[in-house]
Amino acid sequence: MSDYAACQCREQDSELSCINAQFVDTDIFLHVNNLYRHLRKVTFHGNNFQDLPNSPLFGRNKHENIEVLNISANYIVNLHSNALRGMPNLLVLDLSNNEIVLKEEDINFLSHTPKLKQLYLRRAFTLLVNRTVQFSLMMRMFRKANLEQLNYIDLSYNYFTKLPYNLPCPFPSLKYLDLRQNFLQTINLNTTCLSRIETIDLSR
């Protein structure tokens, strides 16, 4: 990856970062698989992938060490259910600043990362598609994921005018729910699922 000026690998931090590299093909992640098996944190920000592959992002090998994956601001529209396979110890996933449109075949997307603690979806669902359908698919994806350790979710800046009633229910360890800068007039959440929550940020 050192051939790409926009990519930096900090061996001492076990971190690879590719910022504004303008990659368009997710095959670039296979280079990570071949060259950097020890990485703990991987960042690809400011590219134009649009589609995540329907196969493991980093190839068939397991990447036990990856704990942080930042694929924000890549114009990602389509997730695909198998993209996160092979990262069983992932703790932090950042999909912020994308243009995600969920489909039926995406509902297993998060089911490969059972240890996830932080999920960033800031400005990730901004396309004006049918919100009722999108909320339904999002909730099914959350439930299928079985993210019992998730304690932080960022859904800020998504232009939401309402929320799914059971939004916090798939996350029994949830402490922080970030809903900043949405267009919520009222908030109606299932209070039986709020026992662990310490903060719901509704600021504008």
N, C-alpha and C. Protein backbone atom coordinates (compact mmCIF):
# COMPACT_ATOMS: atom_id res chain seq x y z
N MET A 1 0.82 -1.20 0.00
CA MET A 1 0.00 0.00 0.00
C MET A 1 0.86 1.26 0.00
N SER A 2 2.13 1.10 0.26
CA SER A 2 3.02 2.27 0.29
C SER A 2 3.17 2.89 -1.09
N ASP A 3 2.73 2.18 -2.14
CA ASP A 3 2.75 2.73 -3.49
C ASP A 3 1.73 3.85 -3.66
N TYR A 4 0.76 3.92 -2.76
CA TYR A 4 -0.29 4.93 -2.84
C TYR A 4 0.02 6.07 -1.87
N ALA A 5 0.18 7.28 -2.42
CA ALA A 5 0.58 8.43 -1.59
C ALA A 5 -0.42 8.72 -0.49
N ALA A 6 -1.69 8.40 -0.73
CA ALA A 6 -2.73 8.73 0.25
C ALA A 6 -2.80 7.71 1.39
N CYS A 7 -2.00 6.66 1.30
CA CYS A 7 -2.06 5.60 2.31
C CYS A 7 -0.82 5.64 3.20
N GLN A 8 -1.06 5.51 4.49
CA GLN A 8 0.03 5.47 5.45
C GLN A 8 -0.17 4.28 6.37
N CYS A 9 0.91 3.56 6.60
CA CYS A 9 0.86 2.44 7.53
C CYS A 9 1.78 2.74 8.70
N ARG A 10 1.21 2.79 9.90
CA ARG A 10 2.00 3.03 11.11
C ARG A 10 2.17 1.69 11.82
N GLU A 11 3.31 1.08 11.56
CA GLU A 11 3.56 -0.26 12.08
C GLU A 11 3.44 -0.30 13.60
N GLN A 12 3.98 0.73 14.27
CA GLN A 12 4.00 0.71 15.73
C GLN A 12 2.59 0.76 16.32
N ASP A 13 1.65 1.34 15.56
CA ASP A 13 0.27 1.43 16.02
C ASP A 13 -0.62 0.37 15.39
N SER A 14 -0.04 -0.47 14.54
CA SER A 14 -0.81 -1.49 13.80
C SER A 14 -2.00 -0.85 13.08
N GLU A 15 -1.72 0.26 12.40
CA GLU A 15 -2.79 1.05 11.79
C GLU A 15 -2.49 1.38 10.34
N LEU A 16 -3.47 1.17 9.47
CA LEU A 16 -3.39 1.56 8.07
C LEU A 16 -4.46 2.60 7.79
N SER A 17 -4.07 3.70 7.15
CA SER A 17 -5.00 4.78 6.88
C SER A 17 -4.86 5.25 5.43
N CYS A 18 -5.96 5.22 4.68
CA CYS A 18 -6.00 5.71 3.30
C CYS A 18 -7.06 6.80 3.22
N ILE A 19 -6.63 8.06 3.17
CA ILE A 19 -7.53 9.21 3.23
C ILE A 19 -7.57 9.90 1.87
N ASN A 20 -8.77 10.08 1.33
CA ASN A 20 -8.97 10.79 0.06
C ASN A 20 -8.11 10.21 -1.06
N ALA A 21 -8.07 8.90 -1.12
CA ALA A 21 -7.28 8.23 -2.16
C ALA A 21 -8.06 8.07 -3.45
N GLN A 22 -9.38 8.29 -3.40
CA GLN A 22 -10.25 8.19 -4.58
C GLN A 22 -10.29 6.79 -5.18
N PHE A 23 -10.13 5.79 -4.35
CA PHE A 23 -10.31 4.42 -4.82
C PHE A 23 -11.77 4.19 -5.21
N VAL A 24 -11.99 3.41 -6.25
CA VAL A 24 -13.36 3.11 -6.68
C VAL A 24 -13.65 1.61 -6.62
N ASP A 25 -12.63 0.80 -6.48
CA ASP A 25 -12.79 -0.66 -6.49
C ASP A 25 -12.43 -1.22 -5.12
N THR A 26 -13.35 -1.98 -4.53
CA THR A 26 -13.10 -2.54 -3.20
C THR A 26 -12.05 -3.65 -3.22
N ASP A 27 -11.56 -4.03 -4.38
CA ASP A 27 -10.45 -4.99 -4.44
C ASP A 27 -9.22 -4.47 -3.72
N ILE A 28 -9.16 -3.16 -3.48
CA ILE A 28 -8.03 -2.59 -2.76
C ILE A 28 -7.91 -3.21 -1.37
N PHE A 29 -9.03 -3.63 -0.80
CA PHE A 29 -8.99 -4.25 0.53
C PHE A 29 -8.28 -5.60 0.51
N LEU A 30 -8.24 -6.25 -0.64
CA LEU A 30 -7.55 -7.53 -0.74
C LEU A 30 -6.05 -7.35 -0.61
N HIS A 31 -5.54 -6.16 -0.96
CA HIS A 31 -4.12 -5.87 -0.75
C HIS A 31 -3.80 -5.83 0.73
N VAL A 32 -4.74 -5.33 1.50
CA VAL A 32 -4.58 -5.33 2.96
C VAL A 32 -4.47 -6.77 3.45
N ASN A 33 -5.33 -7.61 2.94
CA ASN A 33 -5.32 -9.03 3.32
C ASN A 33 -3.98 -9.67 3.02
N ASN A 34 -3.39 -9.33 1.90
CA ASN A 34 -2.15 -9.98 1.47
C ASN A 34 -0.92 -9.45 2.19
N LEU A 35 -0.96 -8.17 2.59
CA LEU A 35 0.26 -7.52 3.08
C LEU A 35 0.27 -7.22 4.57
N TYR A 36 -0.91 -7.03 5.15
CA TYR A 36 -0.96 -6.50 6.52
C TYR A 36 -1.90 -7.34 7.38
N ARG A 37 -1.46 -8.50 7.78
CA ARG A 37 -2.31 -9.39 8.54
C ARG A 37 -2.38 -9.02 10.03
N HIS A 38 -1.50 -8.12 10.46
CA HIS A 38 -1.38 -7.79 11.88
C HIS A 38 -2.20 -6.57 12.29
N LEU A 39 -2.86 -5.90 11.36
CA LEU A 39 -3.46 -4.60 11.63
C LEU A 39 -4.56 -4.66 12.69
N ARG A 40 -4.60 -3.60 13.51
CA ARG A 40 -5.65 -3.45 14.52
C ARG A 40 -6.69 -2.44 14.07
N LYS A 41 -6.25 -1.40 13.34
CA LYS A 41 -7.16 -0.34 12.89
C LYS A 41 -6.96 -0.09 11.40
N VAL A 42 -8.07 -0.06 10.65
CA VAL A 42 -8.03 0.20 9.21
C VAL A 42 -9.00 1.33 8.89
N THR A 43 -8.50 2.34 8.17
CA THR A 43 -9.32 3.48 7.77
C THR A 43 -9.23 3.69 6.27
N PHE A 44 -10.37 3.66 5.60
CA PHE A 44 -10.49 4.08 4.20
C PHE A 44 -11.57 5.15 4.17
N HIS A 45 -11.16 6.40 4.01
CA HIS A 45 -12.07 7.54 4.10
C HIS A 45 -11.88 8.42 2.86
N GLY A 46 -12.99 8.82 2.24
CA GLY A 46 -12.89 9.73 1.11
C GLY A 46 -12.61 9.03 -0.21
N ASN A 47 -13.28 7.91 -0.43
CA ASN A 47 -13.16 7.18 -1.69
C ASN A 47 -14.53 7.13 -2.36
N ASN A 48 -14.67 6.31 -3.38
CA ASN A 48 -15.94 6.25 -4.11
C ASN A 48 -16.27 4.80 -4.44
N PHE A 49 -16.51 4.01 -3.38
CA PHE A 49 -16.74 2.59 -3.58
C PHE A 49 -18.16 2.27 -4.06
N GLN A 50 -19.13 2.98 -3.55
CA GLN A 50 -20.56 2.77 -3.83
C GLN A 50 -21.07 1.42 -3.34
N ASP A 51 -20.45 0.33 -3.77
CA ASP A 51 -20.90 -1.01 -3.38
C ASP A 51 -19.83 -1.72 -2.56
N LEU A 52 -20.20 -2.22 -1.39
CA LEU A 52 -19.34 -3.17 -0.71
C LEU A 52 -19.54 -4.53 -1.37
N PRO A 53 -18.54 -5.39 -1.34
CA PRO A 53 -18.68 -6.69 -2.02
C PRO A 53 -19.61 -7.62 -1.27
N ASN A 54 -20.17 -8.58 -1.97
CA ASN A 54 -20.98 -9.61 -1.33
C ASN A 54 -20.12 -10.81 -0.95
N SER A 55 -18.89 -10.52 -0.64
CA SER A 55 -17.92 -11.50 -0.15
C SER A 55 -17.09 -10.76 0.89
N PRO A 56 -16.35 -11.45 1.75
CA PRO A 56 -15.61 -10.77 2.80
C PRO A 56 -14.69 -9.67 2.25
N LEU A 57 -14.77 -8.51 2.86
CA LEU A 57 -14.07 -7.32 2.39
C LEU A 57 -12.57 -7.57 2.24
N PHE A 58 -11.99 -8.28 3.20
CA PHE A 58 -10.55 -8.52 3.19
C PHE A 58 -10.18 -9.91 2.68
N GLY A 59 -11.09 -10.57 2.00
CA GLY A 59 -10.80 -11.89 1.48
C GLY A 59 -11.19 -13.00 2.45
N ARG A 60 -10.79 -14.20 2.13
CA ARG A 60 -11.27 -15.37 2.87
C ARG A 60 -10.61 -15.54 4.23
N ASN A 61 -9.42 -15.00 4.42
CA ASN A 61 -8.72 -15.19 5.68
C ASN A 61 -9.38 -14.39 6.80
N LYS A 62 -9.33 -14.95 8.01
CA LYS A 62 -9.84 -14.23 9.16
C LYS A 62 -8.83 -13.18 9.61
N HIS A 63 -9.33 -12.03 10.00
CA HIS A 63 -8.49 -10.97 10.55
C HIS A 63 -8.87 -10.79 12.01
N GLU A 64 -8.27 -11.62 12.83
CA GLU A 64 -8.61 -11.64 14.25
C GLU A 64 -8.21 -10.35 14.95
N ASN A 65 -7.20 -9.64 14.41
CA ASN A 65 -6.66 -8.47 15.10
C ASN A 65 -7.43 -7.18 14.85
N ILE A 66 -8.19 -7.12 13.77
CA ILE A 66 -8.87 -5.86 13.43
C ILE A 66 -9.96 -5.56 14.46
N GLU A 67 -9.79 -4.41 15.13
CA GLU A 67 -10.75 -3.97 16.14
C GLU A 67 -11.51 -2.72 15.70
N VAL A 68 -10.91 -1.94 14.80
CA VAL A 68 -11.52 -0.68 14.36
C VAL A 68 -11.52 -0.63 12.84
N LEU A 69 -12.70 -0.45 12.25
CA LEU A 69 -12.83 -0.31 10.80
C LEU A 69 -13.60 0.97 10.51
N ASN A 70 -12.92 1.91 9.86
CA ASN A 70 -13.53 3.18 9.48
C ASN A 70 -13.63 3.23 7.96
N ILE A 71 -14.84 3.09 7.45
CA ILE A 71 -15.07 3.19 6.00
C ILE A 71 -16.09 4.31 5.75
N SER A 72 -15.85 5.43 6.38
CA SER A 72 -16.74 6.59 6.27
C SER A 72 -16.44 7.39 5.01
N ALA A 73 -17.44 8.14 4.55
CA ALA A 73 -17.30 9.08 3.43
C ALA A 73 -16.77 8.41 2.17
N ASN A 74 -17.38 7.30 1.80
CA ASN A 74 -16.97 6.57 0.60
C ASN A 74 -18.10 6.43 -0.42
N TYR A 75 -19.17 7.22 -0.26
CA TYR A 75 -20.33 7.14 -1.16
C TYR A 75 -20.94 5.74 -1.20
N ILE A 76 -20.82 5.01 -0.10
CA ILE A 76 -21.35 3.65 -0.06
C ILE A 76 -22.88 3.68 -0.06
N VAL A 77 -23.47 2.97 -1.01
CA VAL A 77 -24.92 2.84 -1.12
C VAL A 77 -25.35 1.44 -0.70
N ASN A 78 -24.66 0.43 -1.20
CA ASN A 78 -25.05 -0.96 -0.99
C ASN A 78 -24.07 -1.67 -0.05
N LEU A 79 -24.60 -2.28 1.01
CA LEU A 79 -23.75 -2.90 2.03
C LEU A 79 -23.37 -4.34 1.69
N HIS A 80 -24.36 -5.19 1.44
CA HIS A 80 -24.20 -6.62 1.20
C HIS A 80 -23.84 -7.38 2.48
N SER A 81 -24.48 -8.50 2.66
CA SER A 81 -24.48 -9.21 3.94
C SER A 81 -23.15 -9.83 4.34
N ASN A 82 -22.30 -10.16 3.40
CA ASN A 82 -21.07 -10.88 3.75
C ASN A 82 -19.84 -9.99 3.86
N ALA A 83 -19.99 -8.69 3.67
CA ALA A 83 -18.83 -7.81 3.59
C ALA A 83 -17.98 -7.81 4.86
N LEU A 84 -18.60 -7.98 6.02
CA LEU A 84 -17.85 -7.91 7.29
C LEU A 84 -17.43 -9.28 7.82
N ARG A 85 -17.61 -10.30 7.07
CA ARG A 85 -17.15 -11.63 7.51
C ARG A 85 -15.64 -11.64 7.66
N GLY A 86 -15.17 -12.39 8.65
CA GLY A 86 -13.72 -12.50 8.85
C GLY A 86 -13.14 -11.49 9.80
N MET A 87 -13.99 -10.70 10.47
CA MET A 87 -13.52 -9.73 11.47
C MET A 87 -14.27 -9.97 12.79
N PRO A 88 -14.09 -11.12 13.41
CA PRO A 88 -14.92 -11.49 14.56
C PRO A 88 -14.68 -10.66 15.80
N ASN A 89 -13.55 -9.95 15.85
CA ASN A 89 -13.22 -9.16 17.04
C ASN A 89 -13.39 -7.66 16.84
N LEU A 90 -14.11 -7.28 15.80
CA LEU A 90 -14.32 -5.86 15.52
C LEU A 90 -15.10 -5.22 16.67
N LEU A 91 -14.57 -4.09 17.16
CA LEU A 91 -15.19 -3.37 18.27
C LEU A 91 -15.84 -2.06 17.83
N VAL A 92 -15.27 -1.42 16.81
CA VAL A 92 -15.75 -0.11 16.36
C VAL A 92 -15.92 -0.14 14.84
N LEU A 93 -17.11 0.24 14.38
CA LEU A 93 -17.40 0.32 12.94
C LEU A 93 -17.94 1.70 12.63
N ASP A 94 -17.29 2.39 11.70
CA ASP A 94 -17.72 3.74 11.30
C ASP A 94 -18.14 3.72 9.83
N LEU A 95 -19.44 3.92 9.61
CA LEU A 95 -20.01 4.00 8.26
C LEU A 95 -20.60 5.38 7.99
N SER A 96 -20.14 6.36 8.72
CA SER A 96 -20.69 7.71 8.62
C SER A 96 -20.46 8.33 7.25
N ASN A 97 -21.29 9.30 6.92
CA ASN A 97 -21.14 10.09 5.69
C ASN A 97 -21.12 9.22 4.44
N ASN A 98 -22.05 8.29 4.39
CA ASN A 98 -22.28 7.50 3.19
C ASN A 98 -23.72 7.73 2.73
N GLU A 99 -24.19 6.97 1.77
CA GLU A 99 -25.53 7.15 1.21
C GLU A 99 -26.26 5.81 1.18
N ILE A 100 -26.27 5.16 2.33
CA ILE A 100 -26.74 3.78 2.43
C ILE A 100 -28.23 3.66 2.13
N VAL A 101 -28.55 2.70 1.28
CA VAL A 101 -29.94 2.31 1.03
C VAL A 101 -30.03 0.81 1.33
N LEU A 102 -30.75 0.47 2.38
CA LEU A 102 -30.83 -0.92 2.80
C LEU A 102 -31.77 -1.72 1.90
N LYS A 103 -31.40 -2.99 1.70
CA LYS A 103 -32.21 -3.91 0.92
C LYS A 103 -32.39 -5.20 1.72
N GLU A 104 -33.33 -6.00 1.30
CA GLU A 104 -33.63 -7.26 1.99
C GLU A 104 -32.38 -8.11 2.21
N GLU A 105 -31.52 -8.15 1.21
CA GLU A 105 -30.34 -9.02 1.30
C GLU A 105 -29.25 -8.45 2.20
N ASP A 106 -29.48 -7.28 2.80
CA ASP A 106 -28.46 -6.68 3.67
C ASP A 106 -28.67 -6.97 5.15
N ILE A 107 -29.73 -7.65 5.52
CA ILE A 107 -30.09 -7.69 6.94
C ILE A 107 -29.11 -8.51 7.79
N ASN A 108 -28.24 -9.29 7.17
CA ASN A 108 -27.22 -10.02 7.93
C ASN A 108 -25.89 -9.27 7.98
N PHE A 109 -25.87 -8.04 7.53
CA PHE A 109 -24.62 -7.28 7.40
C PHE A 109 -23.83 -7.23 8.71
N LEU A 110 -24.50 -7.01 9.83
CA LEU A 110 -23.81 -6.85 11.12
C LEU A 110 -23.73 -8.14 11.92
N SER A 111 -24.18 -9.23 11.36
CA SER A 111 -24.24 -10.48 12.14
C SER A 111 -22.88 -11.16 12.29
N HIS A 112 -21.85 -10.63 11.60
CA HIS A 112 -20.51 -11.22 11.67
C HIS A 112 -19.62 -10.53 12.70
N THR A 113 -20.15 -9.51 13.38
CA THR A 113 -19.33 -8.71 14.30
C THR A 113 -19.97 -8.68 15.69
N PRO A 114 -20.06 -9.82 16.36
CA PRO A 114 -20.81 -9.92 17.62
C PRO A 114 -20.23 -9.13 18.78
N LYS A 115 -18.97 -8.72 18.68
CA LYS A 115 -18.33 -8.00 19.79
C LYS A 115 -18.39 -6.48 19.64
N LEU A 116 -19.09 -6.02 18.61
CA LEU A 116 -19.13 -4.59 18.31
C LEU A 116 -19.62 -3.80 19.52
N LYS A 117 -18.87 -2.72 19.85
CA LYS A 117 -19.23 -1.86 20.98
C LYS A 117 -19.69 -0.47 20.53
N GLN A 118 -19.17 0.00 19.40
CA GLN A 118 -19.52 1.34 18.93
C GLN A 118 -19.85 1.27 17.44
N LEU A 119 -20.99 1.87 17.08
CA LEU A 119 -21.45 1.89 15.69
C LEU A 119 -21.77 3.32 15.29
N TYR A 120 -21.05 3.83 14.30
CA TYR A 120 -21.21 5.20 13.85
C TYR A 120 -21.92 5.22 12.50
N LEU A 121 -23.12 5.78 12.50
CA LEU A 121 -23.93 5.92 11.28
C LEU A 121 -24.34 7.37 11.11
N ARG A 122 -23.43 8.27 11.39
CA ARG A 122 -23.68 9.71 11.28
C ARG A 122 -23.82 10.08 9.80
N ARG A 123 -24.91 10.73 9.47
CA ARG A 123 -25.16 11.14 8.08
C ARG A 123 -24.94 9.97 7.11
N ALA A 124 -25.48 8.83 7.46
CA ALA A 124 -25.29 7.63 6.63
C ALA A 124 -26.51 7.27 5.81
N PHE A 125 -27.69 7.80 6.22
CA PHE A 125 -28.96 7.45 5.54
C PHE A 125 -29.65 8.73 5.06
N THR A 126 -29.01 9.47 4.19
CA THR A 126 -29.54 10.78 3.83
C THR A 126 -30.32 10.79 2.52
N LEU A 127 -30.27 9.71 1.76
CA LEU A 127 -31.04 9.68 0.51
C LEU A 127 -32.53 9.64 0.82
N LEU A 128 -33.31 10.35 0.04
CA LEU A 128 -34.75 10.45 0.30
C LEU A 128 -35.49 9.26 -0.32
N VAL A 129 -35.31 8.12 0.31
CA VAL A 129 -36.04 6.92 -0.09
C VAL A 129 -37.10 6.64 0.97
N ASN A 130 -37.92 5.62 0.73
CA ASN A 130 -39.03 5.31 1.64
C ASN A 130 -38.51 5.01 3.04
N ARG A 131 -38.73 5.94 3.97
CA ARG A 131 -38.18 5.80 5.32
C ARG A 131 -38.84 4.66 6.10
N THR A 132 -40.11 4.42 5.85
CA THR A 132 -40.79 3.33 6.56
C THR A 132 -40.14 2.00 6.23
N VAL A 133 -39.88 1.78 4.95
CA VAL A 133 -39.22 0.55 4.52
C VAL A 133 -37.80 0.49 5.07
N GLN A 134 -37.08 1.61 5.01
CA GLN A 134 -35.70 1.65 5.49
C GLN A 134 -35.61 1.38 6.99
N PHE A 135 -36.53 1.96 7.76
CA PHE A 135 -36.55 1.72 9.20
C PHE A 135 -36.81 0.24 9.50
N SER A 136 -37.73 -0.34 8.76
CA SER A 136 -38.06 -1.75 8.96
C SER A 136 -36.84 -2.63 8.71
N LEU A 137 -36.14 -2.37 7.61
CA LEU A 137 -34.95 -3.14 7.28
C LEU A 137 -33.83 -2.88 8.29
N MET A 138 -33.68 -1.63 8.71
CA MET A 138 -32.65 -1.29 9.69
C MET A 138 -32.87 -2.04 11.00
N MET A 139 -34.12 -2.07 11.47
CA MET A 139 -34.42 -2.76 12.72
C MET A 139 -34.21 -4.27 12.59
N ARG A 140 -34.56 -4.82 11.46
CA ARG A 140 -34.31 -6.25 11.25
C ARG A 140 -32.81 -6.54 11.24
N MET A 141 -32.05 -5.66 10.62
CA MET A 141 -30.59 -5.81 10.60
C MET A 141 -30.03 -5.75 12.02
N PHE A 142 -30.52 -4.79 12.82
CA PHE A 142 -30.06 -4.66 14.20
C PHE A 142 -30.41 -5.90 15.02
N ARG A 143 -31.62 -6.41 14.85
CA ARG A 143 -32.03 -7.58 15.63
C ARG A 143 -31.23 -8.83 15.24
N LYS A 144 -31.02 -9.01 13.95
CA LYS A 144 -30.27 -10.18 13.48
C LYS A 144 -28.82 -10.16 13.96
N ALA A 145 -28.30 -8.95 14.20
CA ALA A 145 -26.89 -8.80 14.55
C ALA A 145 -26.58 -9.33 15.95
N ASN A 146 -27.57 -9.29 16.83
CA ASN A 146 -27.37 -9.77 18.20
C ASN A 146 -26.18 -9.07 18.87
N LEU A 147 -26.18 -7.76 18.82
CA LEU A 147 -25.06 -6.96 19.34
C LEU A 147 -25.25 -6.68 20.83
N GLU A 148 -25.00 -7.68 21.63
CA GLU A 148 -25.26 -7.57 23.06
C GLU A 148 -24.28 -6.66 23.78
N GLN A 149 -23.12 -6.38 23.16
CA GLN A 149 -22.12 -5.54 23.82
C GLN A 149 -22.13 -4.10 23.32
N LEU A 150 -22.96 -3.79 22.34
CA LEU A 150 -22.98 -2.44 21.79
C LEU A 150 -23.42 -1.44 22.85
N ASN A 151 -22.59 -0.42 23.09
CA ASN A 151 -22.95 0.58 24.10
C ASN A 151 -23.08 1.99 23.54
N TYR A 152 -22.74 2.17 22.26
CA TYR A 152 -22.79 3.51 21.66
C TYR A 152 -23.25 3.39 20.21
N ILE A 153 -24.26 4.17 19.85
CA ILE A 153 -24.68 4.22 18.44
C ILE A 153 -24.93 5.67 18.05
N ASP A 154 -24.36 6.06 16.94
CA ASP A 154 -24.48 7.43 16.43
C ASP A 154 -25.38 7.41 15.19
N LEU A 155 -26.55 8.02 15.32
CA LEU A 155 -27.50 8.16 14.20
C LEU A 155 -27.77 9.63 13.92
N SER A 156 -26.81 10.47 14.21
CA SER A 156 -26.99 11.92 14.06
C SER A 156 -26.96 12.34 12.59
N TYR A 157 -27.54 13.51 12.31
CA TYR A 157 -27.49 14.14 10.98
C TYR A 157 -28.10 13.26 9.87
N ASN A 158 -29.17 12.55 10.18
CA ASN A 158 -29.80 11.68 9.17
C ASN A 158 -31.15 12.19 8.69
N TYR A 159 -31.53 13.39 9.09
CA TYR A 159 -32.81 13.99 8.67
C TYR A 159 -34.02 13.18 9.11
N PHE A 160 -33.86 12.39 10.19
CA PHE A 160 -35.00 11.60 10.68
C PHE A 160 -36.08 12.53 11.22
N THR A 161 -37.32 12.27 10.86
CA THR A 161 -38.45 13.01 11.42
C THR A 161 -39.17 12.20 12.50
N LYS A 162 -38.90 10.90 12.52
CA LYS A 162 -39.42 10.02 13.57
C LYS A 162 -38.43 8.87 13.72
N LEU A 163 -38.67 8.06 14.76
CA LEU A 163 -37.77 6.95 15.05
C LEU A 163 -38.56 5.66 15.21
N PRO A 164 -37.95 4.52 14.93
CA PRO A 164 -38.62 3.26 15.24
C PRO A 164 -38.84 3.16 16.75
N TYR A 165 -40.03 2.77 17.15
CA TYR A 165 -40.39 2.69 18.57
C TYR A 165 -39.43 1.79 19.35
N ASN A 166 -38.99 0.71 18.74
CA ASN A 166 -38.12 -0.26 19.42
C ASN A 166 -36.64 -0.07 19.11
N LEU A 167 -36.26 1.12 18.68
CA LEU A 167 -34.88 1.38 18.28
C LEU A 167 -33.84 0.87 19.27
N PRO A 168 -33.96 1.13 20.57
CA PRO A 168 -32.90 0.69 21.49
C PRO A 168 -32.98 -0.79 21.88
N CYS A 169 -34.06 -1.46 21.54
CA CYS A 169 -34.31 -2.80 22.09
C CYS A 169 -33.31 -3.89 21.67
N PRO A 170 -32.74 -3.85 20.47
CA PRO A 170 -31.77 -4.90 20.12
C PRO A 170 -30.44 -4.78 20.86
N PHE A 171 -30.25 -3.70 21.63
CA PHE A 171 -28.95 -3.42 22.23
C PHE A 171 -29.06 -3.36 23.76
N PRO A 172 -28.98 -4.48 24.45
CA PRO A 172 -29.19 -4.49 25.90
C PRO A 172 -28.13 -3.75 26.70
N SER A 173 -26.97 -3.46 26.10
CA SER A 173 -25.90 -2.75 26.80
C SER A 173 -25.80 -1.28 26.41
N LEU A 174 -26.75 -0.80 25.60
CA LEU A 174 -26.67 0.56 25.06
C LEU A 174 -26.70 1.61 26.17
N LYS A 175 -25.69 2.51 26.13
CA LYS A 175 -25.60 3.59 27.11
C LYS A 175 -25.77 4.97 26.47
N TYR A 176 -25.34 5.10 25.23
CA TYR A 176 -25.34 6.43 24.59
C TYR A 176 -26.00 6.32 23.21
N LEU A 177 -27.04 7.10 23.02
CA LEU A 177 -27.76 7.15 21.75
C LEU A 177 -27.66 8.56 21.20
N ASP A 178 -26.93 8.73 20.12
CA ASP A 178 -26.68 10.05 19.55
C ASP A 178 -27.67 10.31 18.41
N LEU A 179 -28.58 11.24 18.64
CA LEU A 179 -29.61 11.59 17.65
C LEU A 179 -29.53 13.07 17.28
N ARG A 180 -28.40 13.67 17.46
CA ARG A 180 -28.24 15.10 17.17
C ARG A 180 -28.60 15.45 15.73
N GLN A 181 -29.06 16.67 15.56
CA GLN A 181 -29.26 17.27 14.24
C GLN A 181 -30.15 16.41 13.33
N ASN A 182 -31.20 15.86 13.92
CA ASN A 182 -32.27 15.27 13.12
C ASN A 182 -33.46 16.23 13.15
N PHE A 183 -34.55 15.86 12.52
CA PHE A 183 -35.73 16.74 12.46
C PHE A 183 -36.86 16.19 13.32
N LEU A 184 -36.51 15.70 14.49
CA LEU A 184 -37.49 15.06 15.36
C LEU A 184 -38.33 16.11 16.09
N GLN A 185 -39.64 16.03 15.91
CA GLN A 185 -40.56 16.90 16.65
C GLN A 185 -40.92 16.28 18.00
N THR A 186 -41.09 14.98 18.01
CA THR A 186 -41.35 14.23 19.24
C THR A 186 -40.49 12.97 19.21
N ILE A 187 -40.36 12.36 20.36
CA ILE A 187 -39.60 11.11 20.44
C ILE A 187 -40.42 10.11 21.25
N ASN A 188 -40.62 8.94 20.67
CA ASN A 188 -41.44 7.91 21.31
C ASN A 188 -40.69 6.59 21.20
N LEU A 189 -40.01 6.22 22.29
CA LEU A 189 -39.22 4.99 22.31
C LEU A 189 -39.74 4.06 23.39
N ASN A 190 -39.57 2.79 23.17
CA ASN A 190 -40.00 1.78 24.12
C ASN A 190 -39.19 1.91 25.41
N THR A 191 -39.82 2.39 26.46
CA THR A 191 -39.09 2.69 27.71
C THR A 191 -38.58 1.43 28.40
N THR A 192 -39.16 0.29 28.10
CA THR A 192 -38.66 -0.94 28.72
C THR A 192 -37.26 -1.31 28.21
N CYS A 193 -36.83 -0.67 27.13
CA CYS A 193 -35.51 -0.96 26.56
C CYS A 193 -34.50 0.15 26.86
N LEU A 194 -34.83 1.02 27.79
CA LEU A 194 -33.97 2.17 28.08
C LEU A 194 -33.28 2.07 29.43
N SER A 195 -33.31 0.92 30.06
CA SER A 195 -32.83 0.83 31.44
C SER A 195 -31.34 1.11 31.58
N ARG A 196 -30.54 0.78 30.57
CA ARG A 196 -29.10 0.99 30.64
C ARG A 196 -28.67 2.34 30.08
N ILE A 197 -29.55 3.00 29.36
CA ILE A 197 -29.15 4.22 28.66
C ILE A 197 -28.88 5.36 29.64
N GLU A 198 -27.73 6.00 29.46
CA GLU A 198 -27.34 7.13 30.28
C GLU A 198 -27.58 8.46 29.57
N THR A 199 -27.43 8.46 28.23
CA THR A 199 -27.56 9.71 27.48
C THR A 199 -28.27 9.47 26.15
N ILE A 200 -29.27 10.30 25.87
CA ILE A 200 -29.86 10.41 24.54
C ILE A 200 -29.65 11.85 24.10
N ASP A 201 -28.80 12.04 23.12
CA ASP A 201 -28.45 13.40 22.68
C ASP A 201 -29.40 13.81 21.56
N LEU A 202 -30.23 14.82 21.84
CA LEU A 202 -31.21 15.33 20.87
C LEU A 202 -30.89 16.76 20.45
N SER A 203 -29.69 17.20 20.69
CA SER A 203 -29.34 18.60 20.45
C SER A 203 -29.34 18.94 18.97
N ARG A 204 -29.53 20.25 18.69
CA ARG A 204 -29.51 20.74 17.31
C ARG A 204 -28.49 21.86 17.19
